[in-house]
Amino acid sequence: MLSLLHVKTAEWVNKLDAAPGRQVWFNFRETKLTHQRSYLARLNYVHQNAVKHGLVPVACQYPWCSAAWFERTASAAMVKSIYRFKTDRISVADEFEVTADW
C-alpha cells in the first residue's frame, strides 16, 4: 500500500511541476519506534535537519518543515522539552548537499 501511495503521489507531484521521471520519494525509510524517547528525539532531529545542513539558522524558518507550526501550537514547555532531546545517537544515512542557489 505504501509503495503504491509513493508511486501515485510522485506521479502527481511531478505532473504539477512538469518534471516527469523525477525521483520524489528519495531515501525513504520506515522505522518502527517503540519508545517515547526515541520518537521525541527523532521529532527534534527532523525539525533541526535544515539547521544541521546550514539551510536556515533556526528550524522554524525552513518553509518545508513542521517546526514553525509545532512552535506555534505546542506549549512553550513542550517545545523546550522536545528541543532538548539529543539527536547525536540517531543514525540516519543522509547524503543531502545544499546547492549553491539555495
PDB file of N, CA and C in Angstrom:
ATOM      1  N   MET A   1       0.830  -1.183   0.000  1.00  0.00           N
ATOM      2  CA  MET A   1       0.000   0.000   0.000  1.00  0.00           C
ATOM      3  C   MET A   1       0.880   1.254   0.000  1.00  0.00           C
ATOM      4  N   LEU A   2       1.917   1.251   0.842  1.00  0.00           N
ATOM      5  CA  LEU A   2       2.785   2.418   0.928  1.00  0.00           C
ATOM      6  C   LEU A   2       3.534   2.649  -0.383  1.00  0.00           C
ATOM      7  N   SER A   3       3.952   1.562  -1.011  1.00  0.00           N
ATOM      8  CA  SER A   3       4.646   1.668  -2.297  1.00  0.00           C
ATOM      9  C   SER A   3       3.739   2.298  -3.356  1.00  0.00           C
ATOM     10  N   LEU A   4       2.491   1.864  -3.408  1.00  0.00           N
ATOM     11  CA  LEU A   4       1.534   2.415  -4.363  1.00  0.00           C
ATOM     12  C   LEU A   4       1.274   3.893  -4.071  1.00  0.00           C
ATOM     13  N   LEU A   5       1.163   4.234  -2.793  1.00  0.00           N
ATOM     14  CA  LEU A   5       0.985   5.641  -2.401  1.00  0.00           C
ATOM     15  C   LEU A   5       2.163   6.482  -2.910  1.00  0.00           C
ATOM     16  N   HIS A   6       3.370   5.994  -2.734  1.00  0.00           N
ATOM     17  CA  HIS A   6       4.549   6.725  -3.205  1.00  0.00           C
ATOM     18  C   HIS A   6       4.539   6.898  -4.724  1.00  0.00           C
ATOM     19  N   VAL A   7       4.204   5.850  -5.436  1.00  0.00           N
ATOM     20  CA  VAL A   7       4.154   5.927  -6.905  1.00  0.00           C
ATOM     21  C   VAL A   7       3.136   6.979  -7.343  1.00  0.00           C
ATOM     22  N   LYS A   8       1.936   6.889  -6.802  1.00  0.00           N
ATOM     23  CA  LYS A   8       0.862   7.800  -7.223  1.00  0.00           C
ATOM     24  C   LYS A   8       1.141   9.248  -6.836  1.00  0.00           C
ATOM     25  N   THR A   9       1.628   9.478  -5.622  1.00  0.00           N
ATOM     26  CA  THR A   9       1.910  10.866  -5.217  1.00  0.00           C
ATOM     27  C   THR A   9       3.111  11.425  -5.962  1.00  0.00           C
ATOM     28  N   ALA A  10       4.105  10.596  -6.263  1.00  0.00           N
ATOM     29  CA  ALA A  10       5.261  11.057  -7.041  1.00  0.00           C
ATOM     30  C   ALA A  10       4.825  11.460  -8.450  1.00  0.00           C
ATOM     31  N   GLU A  11       3.984  10.645  -9.069  1.00  0.00           N
ATOM     32  CA  GLU A  11       3.472  10.981 -10.404  1.00  0.00           C
ATOM     33  C   GLU A  11       2.689  12.290 -10.366  1.00  0.00           C
ATOM     34  N   TRP A  12       1.872  12.464  -9.351  1.00  0.00           N
ATOM     35  CA  TRP A  12       1.050  13.672  -9.218  1.00  0.00           C
ATOM     36  C   TRP A  12       1.925  14.918  -9.027  1.00  0.00           C
ATOM     37  N   VAL A  13       2.897  14.838  -8.123  1.00  0.00           N
ATOM     38  CA  VAL A  13       3.780  15.982  -7.865  1.00  0.00           C
ATOM     39  C   VAL A  13       4.618  16.304  -9.102  1.00  0.00           C
ATOM     40  N   ASN A  14       5.119  15.287  -9.768  1.00  0.00           N
ATOM     41  CA  ASN A  14       5.908  15.521 -10.985  1.00  0.00           C
ATOM     42  C   ASN A  14       5.070  16.140 -12.091  1.00  0.00           C
ATOM     43  N   LYS A  15       3.806  15.758 -12.176  1.00  0.00           N
ATOM     44  CA  LYS A  15       2.909  16.365 -13.167  1.00  0.00           C
ATOM     45  C   LYS A  15       2.689  17.846 -12.840  1.00  0.00           C
ATOM     46  N   LEU A  16       2.476  18.154 -11.552  1.00  0.00           N
ATOM     47  CA  LEU A  16       2.302  19.558 -11.133  1.00  0.00           C
ATOM     48  C   LEU A  16       3.525  20.411 -11.474  1.00  0.00           C
ATOM     49  N   ASP A  17       4.712  19.846 -11.292  1.00  0.00           N
ATOM     50  CA  ASP A  17       5.966  20.572 -11.524  1.00  0.00           C
ATOM     51  C   ASP A  17       6.503  20.414 -12.937  1.00  0.00           C
ATOM     52  N   ALA A  18       5.778  19.700 -13.788  1.00  0.00           N
ATOM     53  CA  ALA A  18       6.235  19.408 -15.150  1.00  0.00           C
ATOM     54  C   ALA A  18       7.646  18.818 -15.128  1.00  0.00           C
ATOM     55  N   ALA A  19       7.827  17.811 -14.273  1.00  0.00           N
ATOM     56  CA  ALA A  19       9.128  17.164 -14.113  1.00  0.00           C
ATOM     57  C   ALA A  19       8.960  15.641 -14.158  1.00  0.00           C
ATOM     58  N   PRO A  20       8.570  15.110 -15.343  1.00  0.00           N
ATOM     59  CA  PRO A  20       8.336  13.664 -15.434  1.00  0.00           C
ATOM     60  C   PRO A  20       9.608  12.866 -15.137  1.00  0.00           C
ATOM     61  N   GLY A  21       9.434  11.779 -14.398  1.00  0.00           N
ATOM     62  CA  GLY A  21      10.560  10.902 -14.113  1.00  0.00           C
ATOM     63  C   GLY A  21      11.435  11.323 -12.939  1.00  0.00           C
ATOM     64  N   ARG A  22      11.191  12.493 -12.370  1.00  0.00           N
ATOM     65  CA  ARG A  22      11.993  12.941 -11.231  1.00  0.00           C
ATOM     66  C   ARG A  22      11.749  12.014 -10.041  1.00  0.00           C
ATOM     67  N   GLN A  23      12.792  11.747  -9.266  1.00  0.00           N
ATOM     68  CA  GLN A  23      12.662  10.896  -8.089  1.00  0.00           C
ATOM     69  C   GLN A  23      12.191  11.739  -6.909  1.00  0.00           C
ATOM     70  N   VAL A  24      10.978  11.493  -6.449  1.00  0.00           N
ATOM     71  CA  VAL A  24      10.374  12.298  -5.390  1.00  0.00           C
ATOM     72  C   VAL A  24      10.609  11.687  -4.024  1.00  0.00           C
ATOM     73  N   TRP A  25      10.377  10.414  -3.884  1.00  0.00           N
ATOM     74  CA  TRP A  25      10.498   9.748  -2.586  1.00  0.00           C
ATOM     75  C   TRP A  25      11.896   9.170  -2.434  1.00  0.00           C
ATOM     76  N   PHE A  26      12.905  10.009  -2.488  1.00  0.00           N
ATOM     77  CA  PHE A  26      14.281   9.563  -2.375  1.00  0.00           C
ATOM     78  C   PHE A  26      14.628   9.252  -0.926  1.00  0.00           C
ATOM     79  N   ASN A  27      15.254   8.115  -0.712  1.00  0.00           N
ATOM     80  CA  ASN A  27      15.826   7.775   0.597  1.00  0.00           C
ATOM     81  C   ASN A  27      14.765   7.596   1.685  1.00  0.00           C
ATOM     82  N   PHE A  28      13.583   7.142   1.343  1.00  0.00           N
ATOM     83  CA  PHE A  28      12.534   6.924   2.337  1.00  0.00           C
ATOM     84  C   PHE A  28      12.829   5.667   3.131  1.00  0.00           C
ATOM     85  N   ARG A  29      12.702   5.761   4.430  1.00  0.00           N
ATOM     86  CA  ARG A  29      12.870   4.601   5.310  1.00  0.00           C
ATOM     87  C   ARG A  29      11.740   4.596   6.338  1.00  0.00           C
ATOM     88  N   GLU A  30      11.221   3.424   6.574  1.00  0.00           N
ATOM     89  CA  GLU A  30      10.201   3.274   7.596  1.00  0.00           C
ATOM     90  C   GLU A  30      10.851   2.661   8.828  1.00  0.00           C
ATOM     91  N   THR A  31      10.608   3.258   9.972  1.00  0.00           N
ATOM     92  CA  THR A  31      11.183   2.778  11.221  1.00  0.00           C
ATOM     93  C   THR A  31      10.071   2.654  12.256  1.00  0.00           C
ATOM     94  N   LYS A  32      10.002   1.511  12.892  1.00  0.00           N
ATOM     95  CA  LYS A  32       9.027   1.333  13.962  1.00  0.00           C
ATOM     96  C   LYS A  32       9.659   1.825  15.256  1.00  0.00           C
ATOM     97  N   LEU A  33       9.086   2.851  15.832  1.00  0.00           N
ATOM     98  CA  LEU A  33       9.594   3.405  17.079  1.00  0.00           C
ATOM     99  C   LEU A  33       8.839   2.769  18.231  1.00  0.00           C
ATOM    100  N   THR A  34       9.577   2.241  19.176  1.00  0.00           N
ATOM    101  CA  THR A  34       8.945   1.506  20.266  1.00  0.00           C
ATOM    102  C   THR A  34       9.024   2.224  21.612  1.00  0.00           C
ATOM    103  N   HIS A  35       9.777   3.318  21.686  1.00  0.00           N
ATOM    104  CA  HIS A  35       9.912   4.052  22.942  1.00  0.00           C
ATOM    105  C   HIS A  35       9.585   5.519  22.709  1.00  0.00           C
ATOM    106  N   GLN A  36       8.894   6.132  23.647  1.00  0.00           N
ATOM    107  CA  GLN A  36       8.522   7.544  23.505  1.00  0.00           C
ATOM    108  C   GLN A  36       9.758   8.419  23.330  1.00  0.00           C
ATOM    109  N   ARG A  37      10.829   8.129  24.061  1.00  0.00           N
ATOM    110  CA  ARG A  37      12.050   8.936  23.953  1.00  0.00           C
ATOM    111  C   ARG A  37      12.626   8.875  22.525  1.00  0.00           C
ATOM    112  N   SER A  38      12.530   7.719  21.892  1.00  0.00           N
ATOM    113  CA  SER A  38      13.006   7.587  20.510  1.00  0.00           C
ATOM    114  C   SER A  38      12.193   8.475  19.577  1.00  0.00           C
ATOM    115  N   TYR A  39      10.880   8.476  19.771  1.00  0.00           N
ATOM    116  CA  TYR A  39      10.009   9.314  18.948  1.00  0.00           C
ATOM    117  C   TYR A  39      10.350  10.791  19.134  1.00  0.00           C
ATOM    118  N   LEU A  40      10.479  11.226  20.388  1.00  0.00           N
ATOM    119  CA  LEU A  40      10.717  12.640  20.662  1.00  0.00           C
ATOM    120  C   LEU A  40      12.092  13.084  20.164  1.00  0.00           C
ATOM    121  N   ALA A  41      13.093  12.226  20.283  1.00  0.00           N
ATOM    122  CA  ALA A  41      14.423  12.556  19.756  1.00  0.00           C
ATOM    123  C   ALA A  41      14.362  12.691  18.233  1.00  0.00           C
ATOM    124  N   ARG A  42      13.615  11.833  17.575  1.00  0.00           N
ATOM    125  CA  ARG A  42      13.505  11.909  16.117  1.00  0.00           C
ATOM    126  C   ARG A  42      12.685  13.120  15.676  1.00  0.00           C
ATOM    127  N   LEU A  43      11.705  13.489  16.462  1.00  0.00           N
ATOM    128  CA  LEU A  43      10.959  14.715  16.163  1.00  0.00           C
ATOM    129  C   LEU A  43      11.907  15.912  16.195  1.00  0.00           C
ATOM    130  N   ASN A  44      12.751  15.978  17.193  1.00  0.00           N
ATOM    131  CA  ASN A  44      13.743  17.044  17.264  1.00  0.00           C
ATOM    132  C   ASN A  44      14.706  16.954  16.084  1.00  0.00           C
ATOM    133  N   TYR A  45      15.148  15.750  15.740  1.00  0.00           N
ATOM    134  CA  TYR A  45      16.063  15.544  14.616  1.00  0.00           C
ATOM    135  C   TYR A  45      15.456  16.077  13.307  1.00  0.00           C
ATOM    136  N   VAL A  46      14.207  15.732  13.057  1.00  0.00           N
ATOM    137  CA  VAL A  46      13.536  16.181  11.833  1.00  0.00           C
ATOM    138  C   VAL A  46      13.440  17.701  11.808  1.00  0.00           C
ATOM    139  N   HIS A  47      13.082  18.294  12.925  1.00  0.00           N
ATOM    140  CA  HIS A  47      12.965  19.754  12.981  1.00  0.00           C
ATOM    141  C   HIS A  47      14.316  20.436  12.803  1.00  0.00           C
ATOM    142  N   GLN A  48      15.374  19.852  13.318  1.00  0.00           N
ATOM    143  CA  GLN A  48      16.689  20.503  13.277  1.00  0.00           C
ATOM    144  C   GLN A  48      17.496  20.163  12.017  1.00  0.00           C
ATOM    145  N   ASN A  49      16.981  19.305  11.157  1.00  0.00           N
ATOM    146  CA  ASN A  49      17.749  18.852   9.994  1.00  0.00           C
ATOM    147  C   ASN A  49      18.143  19.993   9.058  1.00  0.00           C
ATOM    148  N   ALA A  50      17.260  20.927   8.790  1.00  0.00           N
ATOM    149  CA  ALA A  50      17.589  22.055   7.909  1.00  0.00           C
ATOM    150  C   ALA A  50      18.651  22.941   8.542  1.00  0.00           C
ATOM    151  N   VAL A  51      18.652  23.045   9.852  1.00  0.00           N
ATOM    152  CA  VAL A  51      19.682  23.808  10.563  1.00  0.00           C
ATOM    153  C   VAL A  51      21.014  23.079  10.440  1.00  0.00           C
ATOM    154  N   LYS A  52      20.989  21.776  10.634  1.00  0.00           N
ATOM    155  CA  LYS A  52      22.199  20.948  10.538  1.00  0.00           C
ATOM    156  C   LYS A  52      22.888  21.129   9.184  1.00  0.00           C
ATOM    157  N   HIS A  53      22.092  21.239   8.130  1.00  0.00           N
ATOM    158  CA  HIS A  53      22.641  21.366   6.782  1.00  0.00           C
ATOM    159  C   HIS A  53      22.907  22.814   6.380  1.00  0.00           C
ATOM    160  N   GLY A  54      22.692  23.743   7.283  1.00  0.00           N
ATOM    161  CA  GLY A  54      23.016  25.141   7.008  1.00  0.00           C
ATOM    162  C   GLY A  54      22.023  25.867   6.124  1.00  0.00           C
ATOM    163  N   LEU A  55      20.819  25.335   5.986  1.00  0.00           N
ATOM    164  CA  LEU A  55      19.821  25.986   5.140  1.00  0.00           C
ATOM    165  C   LEU A  55      19.193  27.190   5.831  1.00  0.00           C
ATOM    166  N   VAL A  56      19.046  27.116   7.130  1.00  0.00           N
ATOM    167  CA  VAL A  56      18.461  28.192   7.930  1.00  0.00           C
ATOM    168  C   VAL A  56      19.162  28.239   9.285  1.00  0.00           C
ATOM    169  N   PRO A  57      19.151  29.392   9.941  1.00  0.00           N
ATOM    170  CA  PRO A  57      19.776  29.458  11.267  1.00  0.00           C
ATOM    171  C   PRO A  57      18.927  28.815  12.370  1.00  0.00           C
ATOM    172  N   VAL A  58      17.602  28.830  12.227  1.00  0.00           N
ATOM    173  CA  VAL A  58      16.708  28.190  13.201  1.00  0.00           C
ATOM    174  C   VAL A  58      15.639  27.404  12.440  1.00  0.00           C
ATOM    175  N   ALA A  59      15.213  26.297  13.031  1.00  0.00           N
ATOM    176  CA  ALA A  59      14.332  25.348  12.352  1.00  0.00           C
ATOM    177  C   ALA A  59      13.031  25.960  11.848  1.00  0.00           C
ATOM    178  N   CYS A  60      12.433  26.856  12.621  1.00  0.00           N
ATOM    179  CA  CYS A  60      11.126  27.401  12.242  1.00  0.00           C
ATOM    180  C   CYS A  60      11.183  28.281  10.993  1.00  0.00           C
ATOM    181  N   GLN A  61      12.367  28.609  10.514  1.00  0.00           N
ATOM    182  CA  GLN A  61      12.495  29.425   9.304  1.00  0.00           C
ATOM    183  C   GLN A  61      12.493  28.598   8.017  1.00  0.00           C
ATOM    184  N   TYR A  62      12.604  27.284   8.133  1.00  0.00           N
ATOM    185  CA  TYR A  62      12.603  26.430   6.942  1.00  0.00           C
ATOM    186  C   TYR A  62      11.155  26.189   6.533  1.00  0.00           C
ATOM    187  N   PRO A  63      10.754  26.639   5.343  1.00  0.00           N
ATOM    188  CA  PRO A  63       9.325  26.608   4.976  1.00  0.00           C
ATOM    189  C   PRO A  63       8.743  25.216   4.768  1.00  0.00           C
ATOM    190  N   TRP A  64       9.560  24.186   4.561  1.00  0.00           N
ATOM    191  CA  TRP A  64       9.042  22.840   4.303  1.00  0.00           C
ATOM    192  C   TRP A  64       9.170  21.936   5.517  1.00  0.00           C
ATOM    193  N   CYS A  65       9.194  22.522   6.691  1.00  0.00           N
ATOM    194  CA  CYS A  65       9.314  21.766   7.929  1.00  0.00           C
ATOM    195  C   CYS A  65       8.154  22.130   8.856  1.00  0.00           C
ATOM    196  N   SER A  66       7.776  21.200   9.692  1.00  0.00           N
ATOM    197  CA  SER A  66       6.670  21.440  10.620  1.00  0.00           C
ATOM    198  C   SER A  66       7.113  22.181  11.881  1.00  0.00           C
ATOM    199  N   ALA A  67       8.369  22.558  11.984  1.00  0.00           N
ATOM    200  CA  ALA A  67       8.870  23.208  13.203  1.00  0.00           C
ATOM    201  C   ALA A  67       8.116  24.497  13.522  1.00  0.00           C
ATOM    202  N   ALA A  68       7.846  25.328  12.549  1.00  0.00           N
ATOM    203  CA  ALA A  68       7.146  26.595  12.809  1.00  0.00           C
ATOM    204  C   ALA A  68       5.743  26.326  13.338  1.00  0.00           C
ATOM    205  N   TRP A  69       5.030  25.390  12.724  1.00  0.00           N
ATOM    206  CA  TRP A  69       3.700  25.021  13.209  1.00  0.00           C
ATOM    207  C   TRP A  69       3.777  24.472  14.630  1.00  0.00           C
ATOM    208  N   PHE A  70       4.745  23.580  14.858  1.00  0.00           N
ATOM    209  CA  PHE A  70       4.926  22.981  16.178  1.00  0.00           C
ATOM    210  C   PHE A  70       5.169  24.052  17.233  1.00  0.00           C
ATOM    211  N   GLU A  71       6.020  25.011  16.932  1.00  0.00           N
ATOM    212  CA  GLU A  71       6.336  26.070  17.891  1.00  0.00           C
ATOM    213  C   GLU A  71       5.144  26.994  18.147  1.00  0.00           C
ATOM    214  N   ARG A  72       4.268  27.143  17.134  1.00  0.00           N
ATOM    215  CA  ARG A  72       3.061  27.970  17.311  1.00  0.00           C
ATOM    216  C   ARG A  72       1.978  27.270  18.111  1.00  0.00           C
ATOM    217  N   THR A  73       1.855  25.953  17.949  1.00  0.00           N
ATOM    218  CA  THR A  73       0.713  25.248  18.517  1.00  0.00           C
ATOM    219  C   THR A  73       1.003  24.502  19.824  1.00  0.00           C
ATOM    220  N   ALA A  74       2.231  24.087  20.029  1.00  0.00           N
ATOM    221  CA  ALA A  74       2.569  23.379  21.277  1.00  0.00           C
ATOM    222  C   ALA A  74       2.880  24.400  22.365  1.00  0.00           C
ATOM    223  N   SER A  75       2.785  23.966  23.592  1.00  0.00           N
ATOM    224  CA  SER A  75       3.130  24.864  24.699  1.00  0.00           C
ATOM    225  C   SER A  75       4.630  25.154  24.670  1.00  0.00           C
ATOM    226  N   ALA A  76       5.007  26.288  25.217  1.00  0.00           N
ATOM    227  CA  ALA A  76       6.429  26.652  25.270  1.00  0.00           C
ATOM    228  C   ALA A  76       7.235  25.587  26.008  1.00  0.00           C
ATOM    229  N   ALA A  77       6.656  25.023  27.055  1.00  0.00           N
ATOM    230  CA  ALA A  77       7.343  23.968  27.817  1.00  0.00           C
ATOM    231  C   ALA A  77       7.557  22.719  26.965  1.00  0.00           C
ATOM    232  N   MET A  78       6.554  22.368  26.156  1.00  0.00           N
ATOM    233  CA  MET A  78       6.672  21.197  25.280  1.00  0.00           C
ATOM    234  C   MET A  78       7.758  21.418  24.232  1.00  0.00           C
ATOM    235  N   VAL A  79       7.755  22.584  23.607  1.00  0.00           N
ATOM    236  CA  VAL A  79       8.772  22.906  22.597  1.00  0.00           C
ATOM    237  C   VAL A  79      10.165  22.823  23.214  1.00  0.00           C
ATOM    238  N   LYS A  80      10.327  23.431  24.353  1.00  0.00           N
ATOM    239  CA  LYS A  80      11.634  23.430  25.034  1.00  0.00           C
ATOM    240  C   LYS A  80      12.056  22.002  25.379  1.00  0.00           C
ATOM    241  N   SER A  81      11.116  21.210  25.840  1.00  0.00           N
ATOM    242  CA  SER A  81      11.400  19.827  26.205  1.00  0.00           C
ATOM    243  C   SER A  81      11.831  19.002  24.987  1.00  0.00           C
ATOM    244  N   ILE A  82      11.087  19.117  23.886  1.00  0.00           N
ATOM    245  CA  ILE A  82      11.410  18.358  22.670  1.00  0.00           C
ATOM    246  C   ILE A  82      12.774  18.772  22.133  1.00  0.00           C
ATOM    247  N   TYR A  83      13.050  20.059  22.110  1.00  0.00           N
ATOM    248  CA  TYR A  83      14.302  20.548  21.537  1.00  0.00           C
ATOM    249  C   TYR A  83      15.511  20.231  22.417  1.00  0.00           C
ATOM    250  N   ARG A  84      15.292  19.723  23.619  1.00  0.00           N
ATOM    251  CA  ARG A  84      16.395  19.286  24.484  1.00  0.00           C
ATOM    252  C   ARG A  84      16.828  17.851  24.195  1.00  0.00           C
ATOM    253  N   PHE A  85      15.988  17.089  23.494  1.00  0.00           N
ATOM    254  CA  PHE A  85      16.338  15.697  23.235  1.00  0.00           C
ATOM    255  C   PHE A  85      17.575  15.630  22.350  1.00  0.00           C
ATOM    256  N   LYS A  86      18.508  14.785  22.746  1.00  0.00           N
ATOM    257  CA  LYS A  86      19.752  14.611  21.999  1.00  0.00           C
ATOM    258  C   LYS A  86      19.471  13.839  20.713  1.00  0.00           C
ATOM    259  N   THR A  87      20.124  14.255  19.645  1.00  0.00           N
ATOM    260  CA  THR A  87      19.956  13.580  18.363  1.00  0.00           C
ATOM    261  C   THR A  87      21.257  12.958  17.874  1.00  0.00           C
ATOM    262  N   ASP A  88      22.329  13.092  18.644  1.00  0.00           N
ATOM    263  CA  ASP A  88      23.633  12.624  18.187  1.00  0.00           C
ATOM    264  C   ASP A  88      23.742  11.102  18.095  1.00  0.00           C
ATOM    265  N   ARG A  89      22.853  10.368  18.740  1.00  0.00           N
ATOM    266  CA  ARG A  89      22.893   8.906  18.666  1.00  0.00           C
ATOM    267  C   ARG A  89      21.947   8.352  17.610  1.00  0.00           C
ATOM    268  N   ILE A  90      21.233   9.218  16.919  1.00  0.00           N
ATOM    269  CA  ILE A  90      20.343   8.778  15.850  1.00  0.00           C
ATOM    270  C   ILE A  90      21.195   8.564  14.611  1.00  0.00           C
ATOM    271  N   SER A  91      21.153   7.370  14.089  1.00  0.00           N
ATOM    272  CA  SER A  91      21.963   7.025  12.928  1.00  0.00           C
ATOM    273  C   SER A  91      21.064   6.941  11.699  1.00  0.00           C
ATOM    274  N   VAL A  92      21.090   7.994  10.896  1.00  0.00           N
ATOM    275  CA  VAL A  92      20.292   8.059   9.683  1.00  0.00           C
ATOM    276  C   VAL A  92      21.213   8.430   8.529  1.00  0.00           C
ATOM    277  N   ALA A  93      21.246   7.598   7.501  1.00  0.00           N
ATOM    278  CA  ALA A  93      22.063   7.916   6.332  1.00  0.00           C
ATOM    279  C   ALA A  93      21.534   9.195   5.702  1.00  0.00           C
ATOM    280  N   ASP A  94      22.397  10.155   5.472  1.00  0.00           N
ATOM    281  CA  ASP A  94      21.972  11.461   4.966  1.00  0.00           C
ATOM    282  C   ASP A  94      23.039  12.009   4.034  1.00  0.00           C
ATOM    283  N   GLU A  95      22.794  11.892   2.736  1.00  0.00           N
ATOM    284  CA  GLU A  95      23.765  12.332   1.748  1.00  0.00           C
ATOM    285  C   GLU A  95      23.375  13.689   1.147  1.00  0.00           C
ATOM    286  N   PHE A  96      22.498  14.406   1.809  1.00  0.00           N
ATOM    287  CA  PHE A  96      21.994  15.667   1.293  1.00  0.00           C
ATOM    288  C   PHE A  96      23.099  16.710   1.221  1.00  0.00           C
ATOM    289  N   GLU A  97      23.162  17.425   0.117  1.00  0.00           N
ATOM    290  CA  GLU A  97      24.099  18.528  -0.031  1.00  0.00           C
ATOM    291  C   GLU A  97      23.319  19.771  -0.453  1.00  0.00           C
ATOM    292  N   VAL A  98      23.625  20.882   0.148  1.00  0.00           N
ATOM    293  CA  VAL A  98      22.960  22.146  -0.171  1.00  0.00           C
ATOM    294  C   VAL A  98      23.484  22.645  -1.504  1.00  0.00           C
ATOM    295  N   THR A  99      22.585  23.047  -2.404  1.00  0.00           N
ATOM    296  CA  THR A  99      23.009  23.608  -3.676  1.00  0.00           C
ATOM    297  C   THR A  99      23.379  25.065  -3.521  1.00  0.00           C
ATOM    298  N   ALA A 100      24.200  25.563  -4.407  1.00  0.00           N
ATOM    299  CA  ALA A 100      24.687  26.949  -4.330  1.00  0.00           C
ATOM    300  C   ALA A 100      23.549  27.952  -4.473  1.00  0.00           C
ATOM    301  N   ASP A 101      22.472  27.602  -5.187  1.00  0.00           N
ATOM    302  CA  ASP A 101      21.381  28.553  -5.399  1.00  0.00           C
ATOM    303  C   ASP A 101      20.413  28.649  -4.231  1.00  0.00           C
ATOM    304  N   TRP A 102      20.620  27.870  -3.173  1.00  0.00           N
ATOM    305  CA  TRP A 102      19.753  27.973  -2.015  1.00  0.00           C
ATOM    306  C   TRP A 102      20.023  29.260  -1.306  1.00  0.00           C
TER     307      TRP A 102
END
